[in-house]
């Protein structure tokens, strides 16, 4: 199912859910990607500053794609957008 993600925390939650659904531990996912368990933990907890190549490696290991589209503002306040 497609998810709308607008923050590092939302991205981390999506990655966490995909990892758990595949019965992978953080260490198991890290080993598949060639990174450390702490890196996976930081991503899942919404920490900023992750290298794009690491993020794309994690997404590939979890069979996830990134799709970009125009942001729908729908008359909401700026606080609701971010």
PDB file of N, CA and C in Angstrom:
ATOM      1  N   UNK A   1       0.836  -1.168   0.000  1.00  0.00           N
ATOM      2  CA  UNK A   1       0.000   0.000   0.000  1.00  0.00           C
ATOM      3  C   UNK A   1       0.891   1.245   0.000  1.00  0.00           C
ATOM      4  N   UNK A   2       0.532   2.217  -0.814  1.00  0.00           N
ATOM      5  CA  UNK A   2       1.292   3.459  -0.885  1.00  0.00           C
ATOM      6  C   UNK A   2       1.042   4.292   0.373  1.00  0.00           C
ATOM      7  N   UNK A   3       2.084   4.980   0.796  1.00  0.00           N
ATOM      8  CA  UNK A   3       1.991   5.831   1.971  1.00  0.00           C
ATOM      9  C   UNK A   3       2.475   7.226   1.615  1.00  0.00           C
ATOM     10  N   UNK A   4       1.842   8.216   2.193  1.00  0.00           N
ATOM     11  CA  UNK A   4       2.290   9.589   2.057  1.00  0.00           C
ATOM     12  C   UNK A   4       3.282   9.854   3.175  1.00  0.00           C
ATOM     13  N   UNK A   5       4.501  10.228   2.792  1.00  0.00           N
ATOM     14  CA  UNK A   5       5.560  10.455   3.777  1.00  0.00           C
ATOM     15  C   UNK A   5       6.103  11.849   3.590  1.00  0.00           C
ATOM     16  N   UNK A   6       6.073  12.612   4.688  1.00  0.00           N
ATOM     17  CA  UNK A   6       6.526  13.997   4.630  1.00  0.00           C
ATOM     18  C   UNK A   6       7.541  14.338   5.707  1.00  0.00           C
ATOM     19  N   UNK A   7       8.033  13.353   6.427  1.00  0.00           N
ATOM     20  CA  UNK A   7       9.011  13.642   7.476  1.00  0.00           C
ATOM     21  C   UNK A   7       9.918  12.436   7.671  1.00  0.00           C
ATOM     22  N   UNK A   8      11.092  12.656   8.242  1.00  0.00           N
ATOM     23  CA  UNK A   8      11.985  11.534   8.543  1.00  0.00           C
ATOM     24  C   UNK A   8      11.335  10.519   9.491  1.00  0.00           C
ATOM     25  N   UNK A   9      10.510  10.989  10.417  1.00  0.00           N
ATOM     26  CA  UNK A   9       9.838  10.086  11.348  1.00  0.00           C
ATOM     27  C   UNK A   9       8.846   9.179  10.618  1.00  0.00           C
ATOM     28  N   UNK A  10       8.096   9.728   9.683  1.00  0.00           N
ATOM     29  CA  UNK A  10       7.160   8.922   8.902  1.00  0.00           C
ATOM     30  C   UNK A  10       7.903   7.915   8.023  1.00  0.00           C
ATOM     31  N   UNK A  11       9.019   8.340   7.438  1.00  0.00           N
ATOM     32  CA  UNK A  11       9.825   7.434   6.625  1.00  0.00           C
ATOM     33  C   UNK A  11      10.369   6.302   7.484  1.00  0.00           C
ATOM     34  N   UNK A  12      10.857   6.637   8.669  1.00  0.00           N
ATOM     35  CA  UNK A  12      11.372   5.620   9.577  1.00  0.00           C
ATOM     36  C   UNK A  12      10.316   4.610   9.962  1.00  0.00           C
ATOM     37  N   UNK A  13       9.099   5.076  10.220  1.00  0.00           N
ATOM     38  CA  UNK A  13       8.009   4.174  10.587  1.00  0.00           C
ATOM     39  C   UNK A  13       7.667   3.237   9.427  1.00  0.00           C
ATOM     40  N   UNK A  14       7.668   3.759   8.208  1.00  0.00           N
ATOM     41  CA  UNK A  14       7.383   2.931   7.039  1.00  0.00           C
ATOM     42  C   UNK A  14       8.456   1.863   6.842  1.00  0.00           C
ATOM     43  N   UNK A  15       9.710   2.238   7.024  1.00  0.00           N
ATOM     44  CA  UNK A  15      10.810   1.278   6.899  1.00  0.00           C
ATOM     45  C   UNK A  15      10.721   0.230   8.005  1.00  0.00           C
ATOM     46  N   UNK A  16      10.439   0.673   9.209  1.00  0.00           N
ATOM     47  CA  UNK A  16      10.275  -0.265  10.331  1.00  0.00           C
ATOM     48  C   UNK A  16       9.180  -1.289  10.027  1.00  0.00           C
ATOM     49  N   UNK A  17       8.015  -0.804   9.577  1.00  0.00           N
ATOM     50  CA  UNK A  17       6.903  -1.709   9.282  1.00  0.00           C
ATOM     51  C   UNK A  17       7.250  -2.696   8.177  1.00  0.00           C
ATOM     52  N   UNK A  18       7.919  -2.220   7.131  1.00  0.00           N
ATOM     53  CA  UNK A  18       8.318  -3.108   6.031  1.00  0.00           C
ATOM     54  C   UNK A  18       9.313  -4.156   6.517  1.00  0.00           C
ATOM     55  N   UNK A  19      10.241  -3.744   7.375  1.00  0.00           N
ATOM     56  CA  UNK A  19      11.239  -4.688   7.909  1.00  0.00           C
ATOM     57  C   UNK A  19      10.571  -5.756   8.763  1.00  0.00           C
ATOM     58  N   UNK A  20       9.677  -5.348   9.650  1.00  0.00           N
ATOM     59  CA  UNK A  20       8.988  -6.291  10.536  1.00  0.00           C
ATOM     60  C   UNK A  20       8.117  -7.243   9.718  1.00  0.00           C
ATOM     61  N   UNK A  21       7.441  -6.713   8.694  1.00  0.00           N
ATOM     62  CA  UNK A  21       6.599  -7.564   7.843  1.00  0.00           C
ATOM     63  C   UNK A  21       7.403  -8.621   7.101  1.00  0.00           C
ATOM     64  N   UNK A  22       8.692  -8.391   6.934  1.00  0.00           N
ATOM     65  CA  UNK A  22       9.573  -9.364   6.263  1.00  0.00           C
ATOM     66  C   UNK A  22      10.358 -10.208   7.266  1.00  0.00           C
ATOM     67  N   UNK A  23       9.976 -10.096   8.534  1.00  0.00           N
ATOM     68  CA  UNK A  23      10.609 -10.865   9.610  1.00  0.00           C
ATOM     69  C   UNK A  23      12.120 -10.662   9.658  1.00  0.00           C
ATOM     70  N   UNK A  24      12.541  -9.425   9.437  1.00  0.00           N
ATOM     71  CA  UNK A  24      13.965  -9.099   9.510  1.00  0.00           C
ATOM     72  C   UNK A  24      14.239  -8.327  10.797  1.00  0.00           C
ATOM     73  N   UNK A  25      15.361  -8.614  11.401  1.00  0.00           N
ATOM     74  CA  UNK A  25      15.835  -7.790  12.510  1.00  0.00           C
ATOM     75  C   UNK A  25      16.557  -6.580  11.925  1.00  0.00           C
ATOM     76  N   UNK A  26      16.808  -5.601  12.764  1.00  0.00           N
ATOM     77  CA  UNK A  26      17.606  -4.467  12.297  1.00  0.00           C
ATOM     78  C   UNK A  26      18.974  -4.938  11.841  1.00  0.00           C
ATOM     79  N   UNK A  27      19.567  -5.861  12.563  1.00  0.00           N
ATOM     80  CA  UNK A  27      20.881  -6.397  12.198  1.00  0.00           C
ATOM     81  C   UNK A  27      20.812  -7.138  10.866  1.00  0.00           C
ATOM     82  N   UNK A  28      19.746  -7.919  10.690  1.00  0.00           N
ATOM     83  CA  UNK A  28      19.581  -8.658   9.436  1.00  0.00           C
ATOM     84  C   UNK A  28      19.464  -7.733   8.242  1.00  0.00           C
ATOM     85  N   UNK A  29      18.689  -6.657   8.391  1.00  0.00           N
ATOM     86  CA  UNK A  29      18.549  -5.679   7.317  1.00  0.00           C
ATOM     87  C   UNK A  29      19.876  -4.964   7.078  1.00  0.00           C
ATOM     88  N   UNK A  30      20.533  -4.580   8.147  1.00  0.00           N
ATOM     89  CA  UNK A  30      21.828  -3.907   8.025  1.00  0.00           C
ATOM     90  C   UNK A  30      22.826  -4.787   7.277  1.00  0.00           C
ATOM     91  N   UNK A  31      22.847  -6.077   7.579  1.00  0.00           N
ATOM     92  CA  UNK A  31      23.759  -6.995   6.899  1.00  0.00           C
ATOM     93  C   UNK A  31      23.449  -7.082   5.408  1.00  0.00           C
ATOM     94  N   UNK A  32      22.165  -7.088   5.047  1.00  0.00           N
ATOM     95  CA  UNK A  32      21.776  -7.140   3.633  1.00  0.00           C
ATOM     96  C   UNK A  32      22.261  -5.903   2.874  1.00  0.00           C
ATOM     97  N   UNK A  33      22.252  -4.773   3.561  1.00  0.00           N
ATOM     98  CA  UNK A  33      22.580  -3.499   2.930  1.00  0.00           C
ATOM     99  C   UNK A  33      24.071  -3.176   3.019  1.00  0.00           C
ATOM    100  N   UNK A  34      24.745  -3.781   3.975  1.00  0.00           N
ATOM    101  CA  UNK A  34      26.163  -3.485   4.164  1.00  0.00           C
ATOM    102  C   UNK A  34      26.386  -2.264   5.041  1.00  0.00           C
ATOM    103  N   UNK A  35      25.516  -2.096   6.014  1.00  0.00           N
ATOM    104  CA  UNK A  35      25.648  -0.997   6.955  1.00  0.00           C
ATOM    105  C   UNK A  35      25.537  -1.555   8.367  1.00  0.00           C
ATOM    106  N   UNK A  36      25.493  -0.693   9.353  1.00  0.00           N
ATOM    107  CA  UNK A  36      25.424  -1.143  10.734  1.00  0.00           C
ATOM    108  C   UNK A  36      24.005  -1.118  11.280  1.00  0.00           C
ATOM    109  N   UNK A  37      23.771  -1.904  12.316  1.00  0.00           N
ATOM    110  CA  UNK A  37      22.461  -1.953  12.969  1.00  0.00           C
ATOM    111  C   UNK A  37      22.083  -0.588  13.513  1.00  0.00           C
ATOM    112  N   UNK A  38      23.068   0.158  14.024  1.00  0.00           N
ATOM    113  CA  UNK A  38      22.779   1.496  14.561  1.00  0.00           C
ATOM    114  C   UNK A  38      22.240   2.426  13.478  1.00  0.00           C
ATOM    115  N   UNK A  39      22.721   2.268  12.259  1.00  0.00           N
ATOM    116  CA  UNK A  39      22.233   3.094  11.153  1.00  0.00           C
ATOM    117  C   UNK A  39      20.765   2.805  10.887  1.00  0.00           C
ATOM    118  N   UNK A  40      20.400   1.533  10.855  1.00  0.00           N
ATOM    119  CA  UNK A  40      18.998   1.155  10.650  1.00  0.00           C
ATOM    120  C   UNK A  40      18.145   1.701  11.793  1.00  0.00           C
ATOM    121  N   UNK A  41      18.623   1.591  13.007  1.00  0.00           N
ATOM    122  CA  UNK A  41      17.892   2.105  14.166  1.00  0.00           C
ATOM    123  C   UNK A  41      17.670   3.609  14.049  1.00  0.00           C
ATOM    124  N   UNK A  42      18.705   4.333  13.671  1.00  0.00           N
ATOM    125  CA  UNK A  42      18.587   5.790  13.549  1.00  0.00           C
ATOM    126  C   UNK A  42      17.565   6.163  12.471  1.00  0.00           C
ATOM    127  N   UNK A  43      17.574   5.464  11.362  1.00  0.00           N
ATOM    128  CA  UNK A  43      16.609   5.741  10.292  1.00  0.00           C
ATOM    129  C   UNK A  43      15.191   5.469  10.789  1.00  0.00           C
ATOM    130  N   UNK A  44      14.994   4.331  11.429  1.00  0.00           N
ATOM    131  CA  UNK A  44      13.663   3.964  11.916  1.00  0.00           C
ATOM    132  C   UNK A  44      13.160   4.924  12.987  1.00  0.00           C
ATOM    133  N   UNK A  45      14.068   5.572  13.700  1.00  0.00           N
ATOM    134  CA  UNK A  45      13.678   6.523  14.735  1.00  0.00           C
ATOM    135  C   UNK A  45      13.567   7.955  14.206  1.00  0.00           C
ATOM    136  N   UNK A  46      13.709   8.123  12.889  1.00  0.00           N
ATOM    137  CA  UNK A  46      13.476   9.414  12.267  1.00  0.00           C
ATOM    138  C   UNK A  46      14.610  10.407  12.348  1.00  0.00           C
ATOM    139  N   UNK A  47      15.817   9.933  12.654  1.00  0.00           N
ATOM    140  CA  UNK A  47      16.952  10.854  12.697  1.00  0.00           C
ATOM    141  C   UNK A  47      17.295  11.320  11.288  1.00  0.00           C
ATOM    142  N   UNK A  48      17.614  12.578  11.184  1.00  0.00           N
ATOM    143  CA  UNK A  48      17.984  13.152   9.891  1.00  0.00           C
ATOM    144  C   UNK A  48      19.461  12.883   9.604  1.00  0.00           C
ATOM    145  N   UNK A  49      19.847  13.071   8.370  1.00  0.00           N
ATOM    146  CA  UNK A  49      21.252  12.982   8.014  1.00  0.00           C
ATOM    147  C   UNK A  49      21.672  11.647   7.434  1.00  0.00           C
ATOM    148  N   UNK A  50      20.727  10.820   7.037  1.00  0.00           N
ATOM    149  CA  UNK A  50      21.068   9.536   6.433  1.00  0.00           C
ATOM    150  C   UNK A  50      21.542   9.749   5.001  1.00  0.00           C
ATOM    151  N   UNK A  51      22.587   9.041   4.639  1.00  0.00           N
ATOM    152  CA  UNK A  51      23.086   9.120   3.267  1.00  0.00           C
ATOM    153  C   UNK A  51      22.050   8.517   2.322  1.00  0.00           C
ATOM    154  N   UNK A  52      21.877   9.165   1.184  1.00  0.00           N
ATOM    155  CA  UNK A  52      20.886   8.684   0.226  1.00  0.00           C
ATOM    156  C   UNK A  52      21.197   7.285  -0.270  1.00  0.00           C
ATOM    157  N   UNK A  53      22.470   6.970  -0.492  1.00  0.00           N
ATOM    158  CA  UNK A  53      22.795   5.633  -0.982  1.00  0.00           C
ATOM    159  C   UNK A  53      22.431   4.567   0.055  1.00  0.00           C
ATOM    160  N   UNK A  54      22.567   4.885   1.328  1.00  0.00           N
ATOM    161  CA  UNK A  54      22.159   3.947   2.382  1.00  0.00           C
ATOM    162  C   UNK A  54      20.650   3.790   2.383  1.00  0.00           C
ATOM    163  N   UNK A  55      19.949   4.889   2.282  1.00  0.00           N
ATOM    164  CA  UNK A  55      18.490   4.850   2.263  1.00  0.00           C
ATOM    165  C   UNK A  55      17.973   4.067   1.059  1.00  0.00           C
ATOM    166  N   UNK A  56      18.543   4.307  -0.110  1.00  0.00           N
ATOM    167  CA  UNK A  56      18.120   3.566  -1.292  1.00  0.00           C
ATOM    168  C   UNK A  56      18.466   2.083  -1.179  1.00  0.00           C
ATOM    169  N   UNK A  57      19.568   1.761  -0.548  1.00  0.00           N
ATOM    170  CA  UNK A  57      19.914   0.354  -0.322  1.00  0.00           C
ATOM    171  C   UNK A  57      18.909  -0.328   0.587  1.00  0.00           C
ATOM    172  N   UNK A  58      18.498   0.347   1.632  1.00  0.00           N
ATOM    173  CA  UNK A  58      17.495  -0.203   2.553  1.00  0.00           C
ATOM    174  C   UNK A  58      16.169  -0.380   1.831  1.00  0.00           C
ATOM    175  N   UNK A  59      15.788   0.633   1.051  1.00  0.00           N
ATOM    176  CA  UNK A  59      14.528   0.526   0.315  1.00  0.00           C
ATOM    177  C   UNK A  59      14.566  -0.633  -0.674  1.00  0.00           C
ATOM    178  N   UNK A  60      15.673  -0.824  -1.340  1.00  0.00           N
ATOM    179  CA  UNK A  60      15.797  -1.937  -2.291  1.00  0.00           C
ATOM    180  C   UNK A  60      15.707  -3.271  -1.576  1.00  0.00           C
ATOM    181  N   UNK A  61      16.366  -3.392  -0.430  1.00  0.00           N
ATOM    182  CA  UNK A  61      16.334  -4.648   0.324  1.00  0.00           C
ATOM    183  C   UNK A  61      14.927  -4.972   0.810  1.00  0.00           C
ATOM    184  N   UNK A  62      14.108  -3.946   1.012  1.00  0.00           N
ATOM    185  CA  UNK A  62      12.736  -4.142   1.487  1.00  0.00           C
ATOM    186  C   UNK A  62      11.712  -4.087   0.355  1.00  0.00           C
ATOM    187  N   UNK A  63      12.187  -4.061  -0.884  1.00  0.00           N
ATOM    188  CA  UNK A  63      11.322  -3.979  -2.068  1.00  0.00           C
ATOM    189  C   UNK A  63      10.394  -2.769  -2.021  1.00  0.00           C
ATOM    190  N   UNK A  64      10.952  -1.622  -1.633  1.00  0.00           N
ATOM    191  CA  UNK A  64      10.198  -0.370  -1.588  1.00  0.00           C
ATOM    192  C   UNK A  64      10.676   0.554  -2.699  1.00  0.00           C
ATOM    193  N   UNK A  65       9.773   1.367  -3.225  1.00  0.00           N
ATOM    194  CA  UNK A  65      10.107   2.372  -4.228  1.00  0.00           C
ATOM    195  C   UNK A  65       9.815   3.748  -3.671  1.00  0.00           C
ATOM    196  N   UNK A  66      10.478   4.735  -4.231  1.00  0.00           N
ATOM    197  CA  UNK A  66      10.228   6.125  -3.904  1.00  0.00           C
ATOM    198  C   UNK A  66       9.558   6.760  -5.109  1.00  0.00           C
ATOM    199  N   UNK A  67       8.399   7.369  -4.894  1.00  0.00           N
ATOM    200  CA  UNK A  67       7.695   8.067  -5.951  1.00  0.00           C
ATOM    201  C   UNK A  67       7.471   9.501  -5.508  1.00  0.00           C
ATOM    202  N   UNK A  68       7.746  10.436  -6.405  1.00  0.00           N
ATOM    203  CA  UNK A  68       7.558  11.845  -6.104  1.00  0.00           C
ATOM    204  C   UNK A  68       6.337  12.364  -6.848  1.00  0.00           C
ATOM    205  N   UNK A  69       5.614  13.244  -6.203  1.00  0.00           N
ATOM    206  CA  UNK A  69       4.452  13.862  -6.824  1.00  0.00           C
ATOM    207  C   UNK A  69       4.267  15.252  -6.263  1.00  0.00           C
ATOM    208  N   UNK A  70       3.415  16.018  -6.896  1.00  0.00           N
ATOM    209  CA  UNK A  70       3.163  17.359  -6.391  1.00  0.00           C
ATOM    210  C   UNK A  70       2.485  17.294  -5.022  1.00  0.00           C
ATOM    211  N   UNK A  71       2.858  18.211  -4.181  1.00  0.00           N
ATOM    212  CA  UNK A  71       2.300  18.258  -2.833  1.00  0.00           C
ATOM    213  C   UNK A  71       0.914  18.879  -2.892  1.00  0.00           C
ATOM    214  N   UNK A  72      -0.035  18.195  -2.309  1.00  0.00           N
ATOM    215  CA  UNK A  72      -1.398  18.692  -2.228  1.00  0.00           C
ATOM    216  C   UNK A  72      -1.545  19.516  -0.968  1.00  0.00           C
ATOM    217  N   UNK A  73      -1.824  20.782  -1.129  1.00  0.00           N
ATOM    218  CA  UNK A  73      -1.952  21.659   0.032  1.00  0.00           C
ATOM    219  C   UNK A  73      -3.389  21.708   0.524  1.00  0.00           C
ATOM    220  N   UNK A  74      -4.356  21.617  -0.347  1.00  0.00           N
ATOM    221  CA  UNK A  74      -5.762  21.514   0.029  1.00  0.00           C
ATOM    222  C   UNK A  74      -6.250  22.579   0.993  1.00  0.00           C
ATOM    223  N   UNK A  75      -5.695  23.775   0.959  1.00  0.00           N
ATOM    224  CA  UNK A  75      -6.165  24.849   1.809  1.00  0.00           C
ATOM    225  C   UNK A  75      -5.786  24.712   3.272  1.00  0.00           C
ATOM    226  N   UNK A  76      -4.878  23.816   3.583  1.00  0.00           N
ATOM    227  CA  UNK A  76      -4.464  23.609   4.967  1.00  0.00           C
ATOM    228  C   UNK A  76      -3.478  24.675   5.400  1.00  0.00           C
ATOM    229  N   UNK A  77      -3.380  24.849   6.692  1.00  0.00           N
ATOM    230  CA  UNK A  77      -2.365  25.736   7.250  1.00  0.00           C
ATOM    231  C   UNK A  77      -0.994  25.127   7.042  1.00  0.00           C
ATOM    232  N   UNK A  78       0.022  25.935   7.008  1.00  0.00           N
ATOM    233  CA  UNK A  78       1.400  25.465   6.791  1.00  0.00           C
ATOM    234  C   UNK A  78       1.802  24.434   7.840  1.00  0.00           C
ATOM    235  N   UNK A  79       1.298  24.562   9.065  1.00  0.00           N
ATOM    236  CA  UNK A  79       1.631  23.604  10.121  1.00  0.00           C
ATOM    237  C   UNK A  79       1.102  22.210   9.810  1.00  0.00           C
ATOM    238  N   UNK A  80      -0.008  22.123   9.062  1.00  0.00           N
ATOM    239  CA  UNK A  80      -0.583  20.831   8.703  1.00  0.00           C
ATOM    240  C   UNK A  80       0.173  20.162   7.571  1.00  0.00           C
ATOM    241  N   UNK A  81       0.945  20.933   6.829  1.00  0.00           N
ATOM    242  CA  UNK A  81       1.669  20.390   5.681  1.00  0.00           C
ATOM    243  C   UNK A  81       2.947  19.707   6.110  1.00  0.00           C
ATOM    244  N   UNK A  82       3.601  20.230   7.137  1.00  0.00           N
ATOM    245  CA  UNK A  82       4.882  19.677   7.562  1.00  0.00           C
ATOM    246  C   UNK A  82       4.739  18.871   8.808  1.00  0.00           C
TER     247      UNK A  82
END
